[in-house]
Amino acid sequence: MSNPTPYRFSFGPWNISEGADPFGPAVRPAFPDEAKYALFRPLGFEGVQFHDDDVVPGLETMSAPQVLGAAAKVSKMLGSQGLTPEFVAPRLWFDARTVDGGYTSNSAADRQYAIDRSLQTIDIAREIGSKAVVLWLAREGTYLREAKNARIAYQRLLEAINRMLAHDPEIEIWIEPKPNEPTDHAYVPTMGHALALAFASESPGRVKGLLETAHALLAGLDPSDEMAFALAHDKLASVHLNDQNGLKYDQDKNFGSANLRAAFNQVRVLEEAGYGARGEFIGLDVKAMRTQQGMPVTSHLANSRSVFLHLVNKVRTLDRAVERQFIDARDYEGLELFILEHLMGVR
């Protein structure tokens, strides 16, 4: 393959975690975000994923000028370490006003809070040099269907997106779909739902999708197909690669650790579409095993990046002529063994 894409990688500070879960305490000491940023480049990562309060901790106790002043300091720090802010996401799901959703809450005051914080997130993103805001619609859904009018909820989501687009003429909105958790049923469970909102928005060219491997698997879908759907519409803004061991909670396992063949197909879709040629990042949203000791723990990030690059090589060295012979003969049994043997290094 000529002129192969030179991939760039990103992750968020939450991916170097204390190992807490709902059933027990943290198992590793806290590691401050400021120290985490120094680890990116040595690990082979250039991009940083942010929540708004990753950039400005305690932002809700600060005035707007104070928030932007704190963000400016982060921007300077990123520049000094050669790091690129990939996006900023409003962390709406921890606030008491978003218990029943932000943009789709039944409370007008709570909906206004969600909008105001999202507009502030855009200002923070621009201050640190990013033109993208990610919407993970964590609590935009219901635990029982009678609690909200879904038709109105989708209209409110679209209204919120349009408000954000109007706030800044250059900002891009990247929607990260997920079918459940923390809500029982989320309103934007798949890439198709996300892109429907994009095309219905007042600036479709600035609304795109971010596909997470585990989220697609939780919806019972193939992540590579979800990526392909977005790529077919030129709307795959970014990816969060990880893995998932069945239809459970969102595990954020190392990329390729549960299903190497599915990981291969994700890499293949990205590689064949030329993803990354315009600077898009390979985002990794992986968490260390709770049993892993040390501080800080970063091997899960290095390992996932390594697996991705090994699979890039597998994609690039696949004998396409042999593959075509199997396809033309409709010998899919032969094709399957050919792919498996290639992944195992047999051929």
Protein backbone atom coordinates (compact mmCIF):
# COMPACT_ATOMS: atom_id res chain seq x y z
CA MET A 1 0.00 0.00 0.00
CA SER A 2 1.52 3.32 -1.08
CA ASN A 3 1.82 6.29 1.29
CA PRO A 4 0.43 4.53 4.36
CA THR A 5 -1.28 6.69 6.96
CA PRO A 6 0.99 7.79 9.83
CA TYR A 7 -1.36 7.30 12.75
CA ARG A 8 -1.59 9.64 15.71
CA PHE A 9 -2.84 8.44 19.08
CA SER A 10 -4.75 10.01 21.95
CA PHE A 11 -6.20 9.15 25.33
CA GLY A 12 -7.76 10.97 28.28
CA PRO A 13 -6.39 11.45 31.78
CA TRP A 14 -9.16 9.20 33.13
CA ASN A 15 -7.48 6.28 31.38
CA ILE A 16 -4.74 6.40 34.01
CA SER A 17 -7.08 5.60 36.86
CA GLU A 18 -7.20 4.61 40.51
CA GLY A 19 -9.06 1.40 39.72
CA ALA A 20 -12.23 2.21 41.64
CA ASP A 21 -15.50 0.50 40.75
CA PRO A 22 -19.05 0.56 42.20
CA PHE A 23 -18.27 -2.44 44.39
CA GLY A 24 -15.12 -1.36 46.15
CA PRO A 25 -12.51 1.29 46.84
CA ALA A 26 -9.70 2.56 44.68
CA VAL A 27 -6.78 0.12 44.48
CA ARG A 28 -4.06 2.50 43.29
CA PRO A 29 -2.92 5.89 44.60
CA ALA A 30 -4.26 8.98 42.87
CA PHE A 31 -1.98 10.38 40.19
CA PRO A 32 -2.52 14.08 39.41
CA ASP A 33 -3.50 15.08 35.89
CA GLU A 34 -0.58 17.50 35.63
CA ALA A 35 1.80 14.57 36.05
CA LYS A 36 -0.14 12.45 33.57
CA TYR A 37 0.48 14.87 30.70
CA ALA A 38 4.22 14.23 30.93
CA LEU A 39 3.57 10.55 30.16
CA PHE A 40 1.86 11.04 26.79
CA ARG A 41 4.80 11.57 24.48
CA PRO A 42 7.03 8.83 26.00
CA LEU A 43 4.14 6.39 25.50
CA GLY A 44 3.77 7.38 21.83
CA PHE A 45 0.68 9.56 22.24
CA GLU A 46 0.24 13.10 20.97
CA GLY A 47 -3.43 13.88 21.55
CA VAL A 48 -5.22 14.58 24.81
CA GLN A 49 -8.92 13.98 25.30
CA PHE A 50 -10.55 16.24 27.87
CA HIS A 51 -13.68 16.79 29.87
CA ASP A 52 -14.36 20.41 30.68
CA ASP A 53 -13.43 19.89 34.33
CA ASP A 54 -10.26 18.03 33.34
CA VAL A 55 -9.13 21.30 31.82
CA VAL A 56 -10.50 23.47 34.64
CA PRO A 57 -11.10 21.57 37.90
CA GLY A 58 -13.74 23.25 40.06
CA LEU A 59 -15.02 25.30 37.15
CA GLU A 60 -18.49 25.62 38.65
CA THR A 61 -17.13 27.75 41.49
CA MET A 62 -15.35 30.14 39.11
CA SER A 63 -16.38 33.12 37.02
CA ALA A 64 -16.25 32.94 33.22
CA PRO A 65 -13.01 34.99 33.03
CA GLN A 66 -11.43 32.77 35.69
CA VAL A 67 -12.39 29.64 33.76
CA LEU A 68 -10.86 30.93 30.54
CA GLY A 69 -7.76 32.09 32.41
CA ALA A 70 -7.25 28.61 33.84
CA ALA A 71 -7.81 27.08 30.41
CA ALA A 72 -5.19 29.38 28.92
CA LYS A 73 -2.63 28.01 31.38
CA VAL A 74 -3.45 24.45 30.27
CA SER A 75 -3.07 25.51 26.65
CA LYS A 76 0.41 26.81 27.39
CA MET A 77 1.33 23.60 29.17
CA LEU A 78 0.11 21.47 26.24
CA GLY A 79 2.17 23.52 23.82
CA SER A 80 5.29 23.19 25.93
CA GLN A 81 4.95 19.39 25.90
CA GLY A 82 4.04 19.09 22.22
CA LEU A 83 0.52 17.83 22.93
CA THR A 84 -2.64 18.46 20.92
CA PRO A 85 -6.07 18.81 22.57
CA GLU A 86 -8.29 16.49 20.54
CA PHE A 87 -11.62 17.52 22.06
CA VAL A 88 -13.38 18.72 25.19
CA ALA A 89 -16.60 17.11 26.48
CA PRO A 90 -19.04 18.64 28.97
CA ARG A 91 -19.16 16.34 32.00
CA LEU A 92 -22.88 16.67 32.67
CA TRP A 93 -23.60 13.36 34.32
CA PHE A 94 -22.11 14.10 37.76
CA ASP A 95 -24.22 17.15 38.50
CA ALA A 96 -27.38 16.80 40.58
CA ARG A 97 -29.25 18.79 37.94
CA THR A 98 -28.68 16.07 35.35
CA VAL A 99 -29.87 13.05 37.33
CA ASP A 100 -32.85 12.81 34.97
CA GLY A 101 -30.93 13.90 31.91
CA GLY A 102 -29.47 17.19 30.78
CA TYR A 103 -30.76 18.21 27.37
CA THR A 104 -33.78 15.90 27.71
CA SER A 105 -34.64 16.53 31.37
CA ASN A 106 -38.28 17.16 32.22
CA SER A 107 -37.09 20.26 34.09
CA ALA A 108 -36.65 23.41 32.00
CA ALA A 109 -34.14 24.76 34.53
CA ASP A 110 -32.04 21.61 34.31
CA ARG A 111 -32.12 21.72 30.52
CA GLN A 112 -30.90 25.31 30.63
CA TYR A 113 -28.04 24.30 32.93
CA ALA A 114 -26.97 21.61 30.44
CA ILE A 115 -27.01 24.11 27.58
CA ASP A 116 -25.09 26.75 29.54
CA ARG A 117 -22.39 24.30 30.58
CA SER A 118 -22.10 23.01 27.01
CA LEU A 119 -21.60 26.52 25.66
CA GLN A 120 -18.94 27.09 28.30
CA THR A 121 -17.28 23.86 27.18
CA ILE A 122 -17.07 25.26 23.67
CA ASP A 123 -15.35 28.37 25.02
CA ILE A 124 -12.90 26.18 26.94
CA ALA A 125 -12.20 24.08 23.85
CA ARG A 126 -11.43 27.12 21.76
CA GLU A 127 -9.23 28.58 24.53
CA ILE A 128 -6.99 25.49 24.55
CA GLY A 129 -6.89 25.24 20.76
CA SER A 130 -9.47 22.56 20.00
CA LYS A 131 -12.34 22.91 17.58
CA ALA A 132 -14.27 19.85 18.73
CA VAL A 133 -16.72 19.13 21.51
CA VAL A 134 -17.82 15.56 22.23
CA LEU A 135 -21.32 14.75 23.43
CA TRP A 136 -21.50 11.49 25.35
CA LEU A 137 -25.21 11.60 26.13
CA ALA A 138 -24.82 9.67 29.35
CA ARG A 139 -28.18 10.35 31.01
CA GLU A 140 -30.18 11.29 27.94
CA GLY A 141 -32.60 8.39 28.19
CA THR A 142 -34.93 6.74 30.65
CA TYR A 143 -35.25 3.92 33.14
CA LEU A 144 -38.90 3.57 32.15
CA ARG A 145 -40.46 4.67 28.92
CA GLU A 146 -43.41 6.50 30.43
CA ALA A 147 -41.11 8.96 32.22
CA LYS A 148 -40.37 11.02 29.11
CA ASN A 149 -41.82 11.70 25.69
CA ALA A 150 -39.14 10.29 23.37
CA ARG A 151 -40.30 12.34 20.38
CA ILE A 152 -39.91 15.55 22.36
CA ALA A 153 -36.61 14.33 23.80
CA TYR A 154 -35.12 13.94 20.33
CA GLN A 155 -36.36 17.40 19.40
CA ARG A 156 -34.68 18.80 22.51
CA LEU A 157 -31.43 17.06 21.64
CA LEU A 158 -31.51 18.63 18.19
CA GLU A 159 -32.29 22.04 19.67
CA ALA A 160 -29.30 21.71 22.01
CA ILE A 161 -26.97 20.80 19.16
CA ASN A 162 -28.20 23.76 17.13
CA ARG A 163 -27.60 26.09 20.08
CA MET A 164 -24.01 24.87 20.29
CA LEU A 165 -23.46 25.27 16.57
CA ALA A 166 -24.80 28.83 16.70
CA HIS A 167 -22.53 29.68 19.64
CA ASP A 168 -19.35 29.25 17.59
CA PRO A 169 -19.20 29.20 13.77
CA GLU A 170 -16.20 26.86 13.68
CA ILE A 171 -16.90 24.36 16.44
CA GLU A 172 -17.58 20.73 15.53
CA ILE A 173 -19.94 18.55 17.57
CA TRP A 174 -18.95 14.88 17.78
CA ILE A 175 -21.67 12.58 19.09
CA GLU A 176 -20.52 9.42 20.88
CA PRO A 177 -23.40 6.90 20.87
CA LYS A 178 -24.01 4.33 23.59
CA PRO A 179 -27.07 2.13 24.08
CA ASN A 180 -27.22 1.97 27.89
CA GLU A 181 -25.41 2.61 31.18
CA PRO A 182 -25.94 4.70 33.15
CA THR A 183 -29.49 4.88 31.76
CA ASP A 184 -31.45 1.74 30.97
CA HIS A 185 -32.28 2.88 27.43
CA ALA A 186 -30.38 5.74 25.83
CA TYR A 187 -31.88 7.95 23.15
CA VAL A 188 -28.83 7.84 20.83
CA PRO A 189 -27.70 4.20 20.99
CA THR A 190 -26.04 3.80 17.59
CA MET A 191 -24.06 5.64 14.95
CA GLY A 192 -27.18 5.74 12.79
CA HIS A 193 -29.01 7.72 15.47
CA ALA A 194 -26.06 10.08 15.85
CA LEU A 195 -25.82 10.76 12.13
CA ALA A 196 -29.55 11.29 11.83
CA LEU A 197 -29.15 14.14 14.32
CA ALA A 198 -26.15 15.39 12.35
CA PHE A 199 -28.03 15.57 9.06
CA ALA A 200 -31.04 17.18 10.75
CA SER A 201 -28.92 19.89 12.36
CA GLU A 202 -28.53 23.41 11.05
CA SER A 203 -24.91 22.76 10.08
CA PRO A 204 -24.59 19.08 9.08
CA GLY A 205 -20.97 19.46 8.04
CA ARG A 206 -19.99 20.28 11.62
CA VAL A 207 -21.79 17.42 13.36
CA LYS A 208 -20.09 14.02 13.23
CA GLY A 209 -19.76 10.76 15.10
CA LEU A 210 -17.23 9.24 17.48
CA LEU A 211 -17.40 5.44 17.59
CA GLU A 212 -16.36 3.47 20.67
CA THR A 213 -15.73 -0.24 20.20
CA ALA A 214 -17.38 -1.32 23.46
CA HIS A 215 -20.44 0.85 22.92
CA ALA A 216 -21.14 -0.77 19.56
CA LEU A 217 -20.72 -4.23 21.06
CA LEU A 218 -23.12 -3.36 23.88
CA ALA A 219 -25.67 -2.52 21.19
CA GLY A 220 -25.13 -5.95 19.64
CA LEU A 221 -23.45 -4.42 16.59
CA ASP A 222 -20.12 -4.90 14.84
CA PRO A 223 -17.86 -1.89 15.58
CA SER A 224 -16.25 -2.06 12.14
CA ASP A 225 -19.68 -1.78 10.49
CA GLU A 226 -20.55 1.22 12.65
CA MET A 227 -17.25 2.84 11.63
CA ALA A 228 -17.90 2.01 7.99
CA PHE A 229 -21.35 3.59 8.13
CA ALA A 230 -19.89 6.85 9.42
CA LEU A 231 -16.99 6.71 6.96
CA ALA A 232 -19.40 6.20 4.06
CA HIS A 233 -20.94 9.56 4.98
CA ASP A 234 -17.55 11.20 5.73
CA LYS A 235 -18.61 11.62 9.35
CA LEU A 236 -16.21 9.55 11.43
CA ALA A 237 -14.51 12.27 13.44
CA SER A 238 -12.75 9.98 15.90
CA VAL A 239 -12.71 6.55 17.49
CA HIS A 240 -12.37 5.14 20.98
CA LEU A 241 -10.79 1.75 20.52
CA ASN A 242 -11.09 -0.82 23.30
CA ASP A 243 -12.76 -4.20 23.74
CA GLN A 244 -15.67 -5.82 25.49
CA ASN A 245 -16.21 -9.32 26.83
CA GLY A 246 -19.87 -9.81 26.02
CA LEU A 247 -23.02 -7.82 26.77
CA LYS A 248 -22.05 -6.58 30.23
CA TYR A 249 -21.17 -3.24 31.72
CA ASP A 250 -18.84 -1.01 29.71
CA GLN A 251 -15.49 -2.73 30.35
CA ASP A 252 -13.00 -0.63 28.35
CA LYS A 253 -10.70 -3.64 27.98
CA ASN A 254 -7.44 -3.46 26.06
CA PHE A 255 -7.93 -3.19 22.33
CA GLY A 256 -8.03 -6.64 20.74
CA SER A 257 -7.93 -8.46 24.07
CA ALA A 258 -11.37 -10.10 23.80
CA ASN A 259 -11.74 -10.49 20.05
CA LEU A 260 -8.62 -10.05 17.96
CA ARG A 261 -10.45 -10.71 14.69
CA ALA A 262 -13.00 -7.99 15.40
CA ALA A 263 -10.11 -5.67 16.20
CA PHE A 264 -8.46 -6.60 12.89
CA ASN A 265 -11.61 -5.64 11.02
CA GLN A 266 -11.82 -2.30 12.81
CA VAL A 267 -8.25 -1.50 11.84
CA ARG A 268 -8.91 -2.66 8.29
CA VAL A 269 -11.93 -0.38 7.89
CA LEU A 270 -9.95 2.60 9.11
CA GLU A 271 -6.88 1.76 7.05
CA GLU A 272 -8.75 1.19 3.79
CA ALA A 273 -10.73 4.42 4.19
CA GLY A 274 -7.57 6.47 4.71
CA TYR A 275 -8.70 7.46 8.19
CA GLY A 276 -6.11 9.66 9.84
CA ALA A 277 -4.91 11.29 6.64
CA ARG A 278 -6.58 14.54 7.72
CA GLY A 279 -5.11 14.39 11.19
CA GLU A 280 -7.80 12.32 12.89
CA PHE A 281 -6.64 10.53 16.01
CA ILE A 282 -6.77 6.90 17.02
CA GLY A 283 -8.26 7.41 20.43
CA LEU A 284 -7.83 4.68 23.02
CA ASP A 285 -10.37 4.51 25.83
CA VAL A 286 -8.95 1.65 27.86
CA LYS A 287 -8.67 1.09 31.59
CA ALA A 288 -6.10 -0.97 33.44
CA MET A 289 -7.28 -4.15 35.12
CA ARG A 290 -8.37 -3.44 38.65
CA THR A 291 -5.89 -6.02 39.90
CA GLN A 292 -2.89 -4.25 38.31
CA GLN A 293 -0.47 -2.82 40.85
CA GLY A 294 1.81 0.18 40.54
CA MET A 295 1.54 3.91 40.11
CA PRO A 296 1.06 5.14 37.52
CA VAL A 297 -0.18 2.15 35.52
CA THR A 298 0.21 2.78 31.78
CA SER A 299 0.90 -0.64 30.23
CA HIS A 300 -2.72 -0.96 29.07
CA LEU A 301 -2.27 2.13 26.91
CA ALA A 302 1.09 1.05 25.49
CA ASN A 303 -0.19 -2.48 24.87
CA SER A 304 -3.34 -1.32 23.08
CA ARG A 305 -1.32 1.00 20.85
CA SER A 306 1.08 -1.86 20.09
CA VAL A 307 -1.78 -4.22 19.18
CA PHE A 308 -3.24 -1.57 16.85
CA LEU A 309 0.06 -1.13 15.04
CA HIS A 310 0.59 -4.89 14.73
CA LEU A 311 -2.88 -5.16 13.18
CA VAL A 312 -2.08 -2.31 10.81
CA ASN A 313 0.79 -4.46 9.58
CA LYS A 314 -1.56 -7.44 9.26
CA VAL A 315 -3.92 -5.35 7.15
CA ARG A 316 -1.14 -4.05 4.95
CA THR A 317 0.43 -7.48 4.38
CA LEU A 318 -2.80 -9.33 3.64
CA ASP A 319 -2.55 -10.97 0.19
CA ARG A 320 -5.46 -9.27 -1.56
CA ALA A 321 -5.10 -11.39 -4.69
CA VAL A 322 -5.64 -14.59 -2.70
CA GLU A 323 -8.50 -12.98 -0.83
CA ARG A 324 -10.12 -11.99 -4.14
CA GLN A 325 -9.85 -15.55 -5.41
CA PHE A 326 -11.85 -16.81 -2.45
CA ILE A 327 -14.42 -14.04 -2.85
CA ASP A 328 -14.83 -14.58 -6.59
CA ALA A 329 -15.30 -18.31 -6.02
CA ARG A 330 -17.74 -17.54 -3.16
CA ASP A 331 -15.63 -19.84 -1.03
CA TYR A 332 -16.23 -18.14 2.26
CA GLU A 333 -15.13 -21.17 4.25
CA GLY A 334 -11.78 -20.90 2.54
CA LEU A 335 -11.74 -17.15 3.06
CA GLU A 336 -12.36 -17.50 6.78
CA LEU A 337 -9.49 -19.96 7.24
CA PHE A 338 -7.27 -17.70 5.13
CA ILE A 339 -7.99 -14.73 7.42
CA LEU A 340 -7.47 -16.78 10.57
CA GLU A 341 -4.21 -18.22 9.31
CA HIS A 342 -3.03 -14.73 8.40
CA LEU A 343 -3.82 -13.47 11.91
CA MET A 344 -2.02 -16.48 13.42
CA GLY A 345 1.04 -15.94 11.21
CA VAL A 346 0.56 -19.23 9.36
CA ARG A 347 0.38 -17.48 5.98
